[in-house]
Amino acid sequence: MSRSVRRTRRERGLTQRALAYRSGISEKYLSRIELGQVTPSALVAFRLCNTLGSDLGRLVSMQPANESTGIRKIVRLLRDRPEDTLDCARRILVELFR
């Protein structure tokens, strides 16, 4: 996810500072995500997707093949789901990780 977040952020013309602020995470944490040093939680991944105007499947599908199997399972589960189902999943994750 690290490369795809960085690539999409740059395509949108956002700085790390702007994306981090709009996503509600620290700039340092975003930097570590983009460098591949940490894997964001599902909640942070959804926040980044929302801020970037992208869907999780697109960001994850741009990843190298060696990403964790957990993320791949989540992507498979959510792939091709209707927007209302994805919105419900986002709301559930927000509540779980408050």
PDB file of N, CA and C in Angstrom:
ATOM      1  N   MET A   1       0.821  -1.189   0.000  1.00  0.00           N
ATOM      2  CA  MET A   1       0.000   0.000   0.000  1.00  0.00           C
ATOM      3  C   MET A   1       0.864   1.252   0.000  1.00  0.00           C
ATOM      4  N   SER A   2       2.101   1.131   0.452  1.00  0.00           N
ATOM      5  CA  SER A   2       2.965   2.305   0.597  1.00  0.00           C
ATOM      6  C   SER A   2       3.167   3.044  -0.722  1.00  0.00           C
ATOM      7  N   ARG A   3       3.534   2.322  -1.762  1.00  0.00           N
ATOM      8  CA  ARG A   3       3.776   2.972  -3.056  1.00  0.00           C
ATOM      9  C   ARG A   3       2.512   3.573  -3.641  1.00  0.00           C
ATOM     10  N   SER A   4       1.403   2.867  -3.488  1.00  0.00           N
ATOM     11  CA  SER A   4       0.157   3.363  -4.071  1.00  0.00           C
ATOM     12  C   SER A   4      -0.343   4.610  -3.349  1.00  0.00           C
ATOM     13  N   VAL A   5      -0.168   4.683  -2.036  1.00  0.00           N
ATOM     14  CA  VAL A   5      -0.567   5.897  -1.306  1.00  0.00           C
ATOM     15  C   VAL A   5       0.276   7.070  -1.771  1.00  0.00           C
ATOM     16  N   ARG A   6       1.566   6.882  -1.840  1.00  0.00           N
ATOM     17  CA  ARG A   6       2.462   7.959  -2.277  1.00  0.00           C
ATOM     18  C   ARG A   6       2.141   8.387  -3.711  1.00  0.00           C
ATOM     19  N   ARG A   7       1.973   7.409  -4.608  1.00  0.00           N
ATOM     20  CA  ARG A   7       1.678   7.719  -6.004  1.00  0.00           C
ATOM     21  C   ARG A   7       0.357   8.486  -6.132  1.00  0.00           C
ATOM     22  N   THR A   8      -0.679   8.017  -5.456  1.00  0.00           N
ATOM     23  CA  THR A   8      -1.980   8.668  -5.534  1.00  0.00           C
ATOM     24  C   THR A   8      -1.937  10.058  -4.906  1.00  0.00           C
ATOM     25  N   ARG A   9      -1.226  10.198  -3.788  1.00  0.00           N
ATOM     26  CA  ARG A   9      -1.089  11.516  -3.152  1.00  0.00           C
ATOM     27  C   ARG A   9      -0.445  12.499  -4.113  1.00  0.00           C
ATOM     28  N   ARG A  10       0.604  12.066  -4.776  1.00  0.00           N
ATOM     29  CA  ARG A  10       1.303  12.942  -5.733  1.00  0.00           C
ATOM     30  C   ARG A  10       0.422  13.269  -6.927  1.00  0.00           C
ATOM     31  N   GLU A  11      -0.345  12.280  -7.402  1.00  0.00           N
ATOM     32  CA  GLU A  11      -1.271  12.523  -8.521  1.00  0.00           C
ATOM     33  C   GLU A  11      -2.303  13.576  -8.157  1.00  0.00           C
ATOM     34  N   ARG A  12      -2.702  13.603  -6.889  1.00  0.00           N
ATOM     35  CA  ARG A  12      -3.702  14.574  -6.421  1.00  0.00           C
ATOM     36  C   ARG A  12      -3.084  15.928  -6.078  1.00  0.00           C
ATOM     37  N   GLY A  13      -1.752  16.011  -6.144  1.00  0.00           N
ATOM     38  CA  GLY A  13      -1.067  17.269  -5.851  1.00  0.00           C
ATOM     39  C   GLY A  13      -1.039  17.618  -4.376  1.00  0.00           C
ATOM     40  N   LEU A  14      -1.072  16.602  -3.520  1.00  0.00           N
ATOM     41  CA  LEU A  14      -1.059  16.824  -2.072  1.00  0.00           C
ATOM     42  C   LEU A  14       0.328  16.604  -1.493  1.00  0.00           C
ATOM     43  N   THR A  15       0.660  17.385  -0.495  1.00  0.00           N
ATOM     44  CA  THR A  15       1.878  17.139   0.268  1.00  0.00           C
ATOM     45  C   THR A  15       1.565  16.101   1.328  1.00  0.00           C
ATOM     46  N   GLN A  16       2.617  15.544   1.925  1.00  0.00           N
ATOM     47  CA  GLN A  16       2.391  14.617   3.040  1.00  0.00           C
ATOM     48  C   GLN A  16       1.660  15.334   4.166  1.00  0.00           C
ATOM     49  N   ARG A  17       2.061  16.564   4.438  1.00  0.00           N
ATOM     50  CA  ARG A  17       1.434  17.322   5.516  1.00  0.00           C
ATOM     51  C   ARG A  17      -0.070  17.495   5.277  1.00  0.00           C
ATOM     52  N   ALA A  18      -0.440  17.859   4.042  1.00  0.00           N
ATOM     53  CA  ALA A  18      -1.855  18.077   3.729  1.00  0.00           C
ATOM     54  C   ALA A  18      -2.657  16.782   3.841  1.00  0.00           C
ATOM     55  N   LEU A  19      -2.127  15.690   3.291  1.00  0.00           N
ATOM     56  CA  LEU A  19      -2.840  14.412   3.358  1.00  0.00           C
ATOM     57  C   LEU A  19      -2.970  13.939   4.798  1.00  0.00           C
ATOM     58  N   ALA A  20      -1.901  14.048   5.563  1.00  0.00           N
ATOM     59  CA  ALA A  20      -1.946  13.616   6.967  1.00  0.00           C
ATOM     60  C   ALA A  20      -2.984  14.422   7.739  1.00  0.00           C
ATOM     61  N   TYR A  21      -2.973  15.725   7.563  1.00  0.00           N
ATOM     62  CA  TYR A  21      -3.916  16.592   8.281  1.00  0.00           C
ATOM     63  C   TYR A  21      -5.358  16.240   7.909  1.00  0.00           C
ATOM     64  N   ARG A  22      -5.624  16.130   6.624  1.00  0.00           N
ATOM     65  CA  ARG A  22      -6.994  15.833   6.162  1.00  0.00           C
ATOM     66  C   ARG A  22      -7.446  14.436   6.569  1.00  0.00           C
ATOM     67  N   SER A  23      -6.500  13.529   6.769  1.00  0.00           N
ATOM     68  CA  SER A  23      -6.839  12.149   7.152  1.00  0.00           C
ATOM     69  C   SER A  23      -6.867  11.944   8.661  1.00  0.00           C
ATOM     70  N   GLY A  24      -6.433  12.952   9.408  1.00  0.00           N
ATOM     71  CA  GLY A  24      -6.453  12.852  10.867  1.00  0.00           C
ATOM     72  C   GLY A  24      -5.341  11.985  11.433  1.00  0.00           C
ATOM     73  N   ILE A  25      -4.207  11.921  10.728  1.00  0.00           N
ATOM     74  CA  ILE A  25      -3.065  11.165  11.238  1.00  0.00           C
ATOM     75  C   ILE A  25      -1.850  12.091  11.256  1.00  0.00           C
ATOM     76  N   SER A  26      -0.803  11.660  11.919  1.00  0.00           N
ATOM     77  CA  SER A  26       0.397  12.498  11.978  1.00  0.00           C
ATOM     78  C   SER A  26       1.178  12.390  10.669  1.00  0.00           C
ATOM     79  N   GLU A  27       1.906  13.446  10.374  1.00  0.00           N
ATOM     80  CA  GLU A  27       2.738  13.458   9.178  1.00  0.00           C
ATOM     81  C   GLU A  27       3.815  12.369   9.263  1.00  0.00           C
ATOM     82  N   LYS A  28       4.345  12.163  10.450  1.00  0.00           N
ATOM     83  CA  LYS A  28       5.371  11.136  10.643  1.00  0.00           C
ATOM     84  C   LYS A  28       4.809   9.740  10.356  1.00  0.00           C
ATOM     85  N   TYR A  29       3.583   9.485  10.823  1.00  0.00           N
ATOM     86  CA  TYR A  29       2.948   8.192  10.582  1.00  0.00           C
ATOM     87  C   TYR A  29       2.718   7.984   9.085  1.00  0.00           C
ATOM     88  N   LEU A  30       2.243   9.018   8.389  1.00  0.00           N
ATOM     89  CA  LEU A  30       2.044   8.908   6.942  1.00  0.00           C
ATOM     90  C   LEU A  30       3.372   8.630   6.243  1.00  0.00           C
ATOM     91  N   SER A  31       4.412   9.306   6.665  1.00  0.00           N
ATOM     92  CA  SER A  31       5.730   9.078   6.076  1.00  0.00           C
ATOM     93  C   SER A  31       6.151   7.623   6.249  1.00  0.00           C
ATOM     94  N   ARG A  32       5.927   7.073   7.430  1.00  0.00           N
ATOM     95  CA  ARG A  32       6.288   5.670   7.686  1.00  0.00           C
ATOM     96  C   ARG A  32       5.441   4.717   6.841  1.00  0.00           C
ATOM     97  N   ILE A  33       4.162   5.080   6.616  1.00  0.00           N
ATOM     98  CA  ILE A  33       3.300   4.264   5.744  1.00  0.00           C
ATOM     99  C   ILE A  33       3.863   4.278   4.327  1.00  0.00           C
ATOM    100  N   GLU A  34       4.174   5.467   3.831  1.00  0.00           N
ATOM    101  CA  GLU A  34       4.678   5.599   2.464  1.00  0.00           C
ATOM    102  C   GLU A  34       6.036   4.919   2.271  1.00  0.00           C
ATOM    103  N   LEU A  35       6.825   4.862   3.313  1.00  0.00           N
ATOM    104  CA  LEU A  35       8.115   4.186   3.235  1.00  0.00           C
ATOM    105  C   LEU A  35       8.002   2.674   3.403  1.00  0.00           C
ATOM    106  N   GLY A  36       6.806   2.198   3.724  1.00  0.00           N
ATOM    107  CA  GLY A  36       6.593   0.774   3.919  1.00  0.00           C
ATOM    108  C   GLY A  36       7.083   0.263   5.257  1.00  0.00           C
ATOM    109  N   GLN A  37       7.311   1.165   6.207  1.00  0.00           N
ATOM    110  CA  GLN A  37       7.793   0.769   7.530  1.00  0.00           C
ATOM    111  C   GLN A  37       6.673   0.278   8.427  1.00  0.00           C
ATOM    112  N   VAL A  38       5.443   0.719   8.161  1.00  0.00           N
ATOM    113  CA  VAL A  38       4.282   0.276   8.921  1.00  0.00           C
ATOM    114  C   VAL A  38       3.135   0.005   7.951  1.00  0.00           C
ATOM    115  N   THR A  39       2.236  -0.854   8.353  1.00  0.00           N
ATOM    116  CA  THR A  39       1.013  -1.103   7.610  1.00  0.00           C
ATOM    117  C   THR A  39      -0.113  -0.409   8.367  1.00  0.00           C
ATOM    118  N   PRO A  40      -0.867   0.456   7.707  1.00  0.00           N
ATOM    119  CA  PRO A  40      -1.920   1.177   8.418  1.00  0.00           C
ATOM    120  C   PRO A  40      -3.048   0.247   8.840  1.00  0.00           C
ATOM    121  N   SER A  41      -3.703   0.634   9.925  1.00  0.00           N
ATOM    122  CA  SER A  41      -4.889  -0.112  10.346  1.00  0.00           C
ATOM    123  C   SER A  41      -5.965   0.058   9.280  1.00  0.00           C
ATOM    124  N   ALA A  42      -6.995  -0.743   9.361  1.00  0.00           N
ATOM    125  CA  ALA A  42      -8.092  -0.640   8.397  1.00  0.00           C
ATOM    126  C   ALA A  42      -8.734   0.745   8.469  1.00  0.00           C
ATOM    127  N   LEU A  43      -8.874   1.273   9.670  1.00  0.00           N
ATOM    128  CA  LEU A  43      -9.481   2.598   9.830  1.00  0.00           C
ATOM    129  C   LEU A  43      -8.636   3.660   9.130  1.00  0.00           C
ATOM    130  N   VAL A  44      -7.342   3.647   9.340  1.00  0.00           N
ATOM    131  CA  VAL A  44      -6.454   4.624   8.700  1.00  0.00           C
ATOM    132  C   VAL A  44      -6.481   4.427   7.188  1.00  0.00           C
ATOM    133  N   ALA A  45      -6.496   3.191   6.729  1.00  0.00           N
ATOM    134  CA  ALA A  45      -6.561   2.930   5.289  1.00  0.00           C
ATOM    135  C   ALA A  45      -7.832   3.532   4.690  1.00  0.00           C
ATOM    136  N   PHE A  46      -8.958   3.370   5.379  1.00  0.00           N
ATOM    137  CA  PHE A  46     -10.208   3.955   4.889  1.00  0.00           C
ATOM    138  C   PHE A  46     -10.151   5.476   4.918  1.00  0.00           C
ATOM    139  N   ARG A  47      -9.539   6.053   5.944  1.00  0.00           N
ATOM    140  CA  ARG A  47      -9.403   7.513   5.999  1.00  0.00           C
ATOM    141  C   ARG A  47      -8.566   8.020   4.835  1.00  0.00           C
ATOM    142  N   LEU A  48      -7.465   7.339   4.563  1.00  0.00           N
ATOM    143  CA  LEU A  48      -6.612   7.736   3.442  1.00  0.00           C
ATOM    144  C   LEU A  48      -7.371   7.615   2.119  1.00  0.00           C
ATOM    145  N   CYS A  49      -8.102   6.536   1.955  1.00  0.00           N
ATOM    146  CA  CYS A  49      -8.883   6.354   0.736  1.00  0.00           C
ATOM    147  C   CYS A  49      -9.902   7.474   0.567  1.00  0.00           C
ATOM    148  N   ASN A  50     -10.582   7.786   1.630  1.00  0.00           N
ATOM    149  CA  ASN A  50     -11.592   8.841   1.587  1.00  0.00           C
ATOM    150  C   ASN A  50     -10.954  10.172   1.210  1.00  0.00           C
ATOM    151  N   THR A  51      -9.847  10.503   1.844  1.00  0.00           N
ATOM    152  CA  THR A  51      -9.175  11.772   1.582  1.00  0.00           C
ATOM    153  C   THR A  51      -8.620  11.823   0.160  1.00  0.00           C
ATOM    154  N   LEU A  52      -8.105  10.707  -0.322  1.00  0.00           N
ATOM    155  CA  LEU A  52      -7.530  10.662  -1.664  1.00  0.00           C
ATOM    156  C   LEU A  52      -8.582  10.499  -2.759  1.00  0.00           C
ATOM    157  N   GLY A  53      -9.835  10.238  -2.350  1.00  0.00           N
ATOM    158  CA  GLY A  53     -10.875  10.022  -3.339  1.00  0.00           C
ATOM    159  C   GLY A  53     -10.665   8.746  -4.124  1.00  0.00           C
ATOM    160  N   SER A  54     -10.144   7.741  -3.444  1.00  0.00           N
ATOM    161  CA  SER A  54      -9.858   6.465  -4.073  1.00  0.00           C
ATOM    162  C   SER A  54     -10.522   5.366  -3.263  1.00  0.00           C
ATOM    163  N   ASP A  55     -10.633   4.195  -3.845  1.00  0.00           N
ATOM    164  CA  ASP A  55     -11.185   3.095  -3.063  1.00  0.00           C
ATOM    165  C   ASP A  55     -10.058   2.174  -2.610  1.00  0.00           C
ATOM    166  N   LEU A  56     -10.338   1.449  -1.559  1.00  0.00           N
ATOM    167  CA  LEU A  56      -9.326   0.584  -0.960  1.00  0.00           C
ATOM    168  C   LEU A  56      -8.808  -0.447  -1.959  1.00  0.00           C
ATOM    169  N   GLY A  57      -9.695  -1.008  -2.737  1.00  0.00           N
ATOM    170  CA  GLY A  57      -9.287  -2.010  -3.715  1.00  0.00           C
ATOM    171  C   GLY A  57      -8.252  -1.481  -4.689  1.00  0.00           C
ATOM    172  N   ARG A  58      -8.425  -0.241  -5.128  1.00  0.00           N
ATOM    173  CA  ARG A  58      -7.464   0.365  -6.069  1.00  0.00           C
ATOM    174  C   ARG A  58      -6.107   0.546  -5.407  1.00  0.00           C
ATOM    175  N   LEU A  59      -6.112   1.071  -4.185  1.00  0.00           N
ATOM    176  CA  LEU A  59      -4.833   1.293  -3.511  1.00  0.00           C
ATOM    177  C   LEU A  59      -4.116  -0.018  -3.209  1.00  0.00           C
ATOM    178  N   VAL A  60      -4.858  -1.002  -2.786  1.00  0.00           N
ATOM    179  CA  VAL A  60      -4.232  -2.272  -2.432  1.00  0.00           C
ATOM    180  C   VAL A  60      -3.825  -3.050  -3.680  1.00  0.00           C
ATOM    181  N   SER A  61      -4.603  -2.941  -4.752  1.00  0.00           N
ATOM    182  CA  SER A  61      -4.263  -3.689  -5.960  1.00  0.00           C
ATOM    183  C   SER A  61      -2.991  -3.171  -6.611  1.00  0.00           C
ATOM    184  N   MET A  62      -2.558  -1.965  -6.234  1.00  0.00           N
ATOM    185  CA  MET A  62      -1.329  -1.398  -6.768  1.00  0.00           C
ATOM    186  C   MET A  62      -0.117  -1.842  -5.954  1.00  0.00           C
ATOM    187  N   GLN A  63      -0.300  -2.735  -5.008  1.00  0.00           N
ATOM    188  CA  GLN A  63       0.778  -3.155  -4.113  1.00  0.00           C
ATOM    189  C   GLN A  63       1.618  -4.265  -4.696  1.00  0.00           C
ATOM    190  N   PRO A  64       2.836  -4.393  -4.190  1.00  0.00           N
ATOM    191  CA  PRO A  64       3.653  -5.544  -4.563  1.00  0.00           C
ATOM    192  C   PRO A  64       3.019  -6.840  -4.046  1.00  0.00           C
ATOM    193  N   ALA A  65       3.378  -7.945  -4.644  1.00  0.00           N
ATOM    194  CA  ALA A  65       2.783  -9.235  -4.296  1.00  0.00           C
ATOM    195  C   ALA A  65       3.106  -9.693  -2.883  1.00  0.00           C
ATOM    196  N   ASN A  66       4.117  -9.155  -2.225  1.00  0.00           N
ATOM    197  CA  ASN A  66       4.515  -9.664  -0.915  1.00  0.00           C
ATOM    198  C   ASN A  66       3.799  -8.995   0.258  1.00  0.00           C
ATOM    199  N   GLU A  67       2.731  -8.237   0.002  1.00  0.00           N
ATOM    200  CA  GLU A  67       1.988  -7.623   1.098  1.00  0.00           C
ATOM    201  C   GLU A  67       1.320  -8.715   1.939  1.00  0.00           C
ATOM    202  N   SER A  68       0.932  -8.356   3.141  1.00  0.00           N
ATOM    203  CA  SER A  68       0.378  -9.339   4.067  1.00  0.00           C
ATOM    204  C   SER A  68      -0.886  -9.992   3.523  1.00  0.00           C
ATOM    205  N   THR A  69      -1.092 -11.231   3.902  1.00  0.00           N
ATOM    206  CA  THR A  69      -2.284 -11.946   3.446  1.00  0.00           C
ATOM    207  C   THR A  69      -3.544 -11.367   4.057  1.00  0.00           C
ATOM    208  N   GLY A  70      -3.439 -10.769   5.234  1.00  0.00           N
ATOM    209  CA  GLY A  70      -4.610 -10.151   5.862  1.00  0.00           C
ATOM    210  C   GLY A  70      -5.196  -9.050   5.017  1.00  0.00           C
ATOM    211  N   ILE A  71      -4.337  -8.214   4.467  1.00  0.00           N
ATOM    212  CA  ILE A  71      -4.817  -7.128   3.614  1.00  0.00           C
ATOM    213  C   ILE A  71      -5.441  -7.697   2.349  1.00  0.00           C
ATOM    214  N   ARG A  72      -4.811  -8.698   1.775  1.00  0.00           N
ATOM    215  CA  ARG A  72      -5.374  -9.306   0.562  1.00  0.00           C
ATOM    216  C   ARG A  72      -6.749  -9.906   0.839  1.00  0.00           C
ATOM    217  N   LYS A  73      -6.921 -10.509   2.007  1.00  0.00           N
ATOM    218  CA  LYS A  73      -8.225 -11.083   2.356  1.00  0.00           C
ATOM    219  C   LYS A  73      -9.282  -9.999   2.487  1.00  0.00           C
ATOM    220  N   ILE A  74      -8.921  -8.888   3.102  1.00  0.00           N
ATOM    221  CA  ILE A  74      -9.864  -7.771   3.243  1.00  0.00           C
ATOM    222  C   ILE A  74     -10.244  -7.236   1.868  1.00  0.00           C
ATOM    223  N   VAL A  75      -9.263  -7.090   1.010  1.00  0.00           N
ATOM    224  CA  VAL A  75      -9.531  -6.580  -0.339  1.00  0.00           C
ATOM    225  C   VAL A  75     -10.457  -7.519  -1.098  1.00  0.00           C
ATOM    226  N   ARG A  76     -10.188  -8.818  -1.011  1.00  0.00           N
ATOM    227  CA  ARG A  76     -11.062  -9.785  -1.684  1.00  0.00           C
ATOM    228  C   ARG A  76     -12.482  -9.698  -1.143  1.00  0.00           C
ATOM    229  N   LEU A  77     -12.598  -9.536   0.157  1.00  0.00           N
ATOM    230  CA  LEU A  77     -13.914  -9.446   0.781  1.00  0.00           C
ATOM    231  C   LEU A  77     -14.683  -8.214   0.301  1.00  0.00           C
ATOM    232  N   LEU A  78     -13.988  -7.091   0.142  1.00  0.00           N
ATOM    233  CA  LEU A  78     -14.645  -5.833  -0.209  1.00  0.00           C
ATOM    234  C   LEU A  78     -14.687  -5.558  -1.717  1.00  0.00           C
ATOM    235  N   ARG A  79     -13.949  -6.304  -2.493  1.00  0.00           N
ATOM    236  CA  ARG A  79     -13.889  -6.062  -3.937  1.00  0.00           C
ATOM    237  C   ARG A  79     -15.270  -6.198  -4.569  1.00  0.00           C
ATOM    238  N   ASP A  80     -15.579  -5.265  -5.430  1.00  0.00           N
ATOM    239  CA  ASP A  80     -16.830  -5.268  -6.209  1.00  0.00           C
ATOM    240  C   ASP A  80     -18.085  -5.191  -5.352  1.00  0.00           C
ATOM    241  N   ARG A  81     -17.948  -4.672  -4.149  1.00  0.00           N
ATOM    242  CA  ARG A  81     -19.127  -4.479  -3.301  1.00  0.00           C
ATOM    243  C   ARG A  81     -19.762  -3.140  -3.649  1.00  0.00           C
ATOM    244  N   PRO A  82     -21.082  -3.039  -3.467  1.00  0.00           N
ATOM    245  CA  PRO A  82     -21.735  -1.750  -3.725  1.00  0.00           C
ATOM    246  C   PRO A  82     -21.283  -0.684  -2.712  1.00  0.00           C
ATOM    247  N   GLU A  83     -21.401   0.561  -3.122  1.00  0.00           N
ATOM    248  CA  GLU A  83     -20.938   1.683  -2.290  1.00  0.00           C
ATOM    249  C   GLU A  83     -21.608   1.681  -0.914  1.00  0.00           C
ATOM    250  N   ASP A  84     -22.884   1.329  -0.831  1.00  0.00           N
ATOM    251  CA  ASP A  84     -23.559   1.341   0.472  1.00  0.00           C
ATOM    252  C   ASP A  84     -22.972   0.281   1.411  1.00  0.00           C
ATOM    253  N   THR A  85     -22.532  -0.840   0.864  1.00  0.00           N
ATOM    254  CA  THR A  85     -21.880  -1.864   1.679  1.00  0.00           C
ATOM    255  C   THR A  85     -20.529  -1.372   2.179  1.00  0.00           C
ATOM    256  N   LEU A  86     -19.764  -0.704   1.307  1.00  0.00           N
ATOM    257  CA  LEU A  86     -18.475  -0.146   1.713  1.00  0.00           C
ATOM    258  C   LEU A  86     -18.654   0.942   2.754  1.00  0.00           C
ATOM    259  N   ASP A  87     -19.696   1.755   2.594  1.00  0.00           N
ATOM    260  CA  ASP A  87     -19.974   2.806   3.578  1.00  0.00           C
ATOM    261  C   ASP A  87     -20.303   2.191   4.935  1.00  0.00           C
ATOM    262  N   CYS A  88     -21.076   1.118   4.936  1.00  0.00           N
ATOM    263  CA  CYS A  88     -21.401   0.420   6.184  1.00  0.00           C
ATOM    264  C   CYS A  88     -20.126  -0.130   6.828  1.00  0.00           C
ATOM    265  N   ALA A  89     -19.243  -0.709   6.038  1.00  0.00           N
ATOM    266  CA  ALA A  89     -17.979  -1.238   6.566  1.00  0.00           C
ATOM    267  C   ALA A  89     -17.132  -0.119   7.163  1.00  0.00           C
ATOM    268  N   ARG A  90     -17.087   1.040   6.495  1.00  0.00           N
ATOM    269  CA  ARG A  90     -16.340   2.185   7.032  1.00  0.00           C
ATOM    270  C   ARG A  90     -16.886   2.608   8.392  1.00  0.00           C
ATOM    271  N   ARG A  91     -18.229   2.719   8.476  1.00  0.00           N
ATOM    272  CA  ARG A  91     -18.838   3.146   9.745  1.00  0.00           C
ATOM    273  C   ARG A  91     -18.553   2.155  10.867  1.00  0.00           C
ATOM    274  N   ILE A  92     -18.595   0.883  10.565  1.00  0.00           N
ATOM    275  CA  ILE A  92     -18.301  -0.143  11.568  1.00  0.00           C
ATOM    276  C   ILE A  92     -16.854  -0.016  12.034  1.00  0.00           C
ATOM    277  N   LEU A  93     -15.925   0.149  11.103  1.00  0.00           N
ATOM    278  CA  LEU A  93     -14.515   0.278  11.470  1.00  0.00           C
ATOM    279  C   LEU A  93     -14.257   1.531  12.294  1.00  0.00           C
ATOM    280  N   VAL A  94     -14.923   2.606  11.952  1.00  0.00           N
ATOM    281  CA  VAL A  94     -14.763   3.838  12.737  1.00  0.00           C
ATOM    282  C   VAL A  94     -15.195   3.596  14.177  1.00  0.00           C
ATOM    283  N   GLU A  95     -16.326   2.937  14.350  1.00  0.00           N
ATOM    284  CA  GLU A  95     -16.817   2.657  15.702  1.00  0.00           C
ATOM    285  C   GLU A  95     -15.892   1.700  16.452  1.00  0.00           C
ATOM    286  N   LEU A  96     -15.375   0.707  15.760  1.00  0.00           N
ATOM    287  CA  LEU A  96     -14.497  -0.268  16.405  1.00  0.00           C
ATOM    288  C   LEU A  96     -13.174   0.333  16.858  1.00  0.00           C
ATOM    289  N   PHE A  97     -12.652   1.284  16.103  1.00  0.00           N
ATOM    290  CA  PHE A  97     -11.334   1.820  16.385  1.00  0.00           C
ATOM    291  C   PHE A  97     -11.350   3.214  16.996  1.00  0.00           C
ATOM    292  N   ARG A  98     -12.457   3.613  17.543  1.00  0.00           N
ATOM    293  CA  ARG A  98     -12.532   4.923  18.232  1.00  0.00           C
ATOM    294  C   ARG A  98     -11.692   4.930  19.455  1.00  0.00           C
TER     295      ARG A  98
END
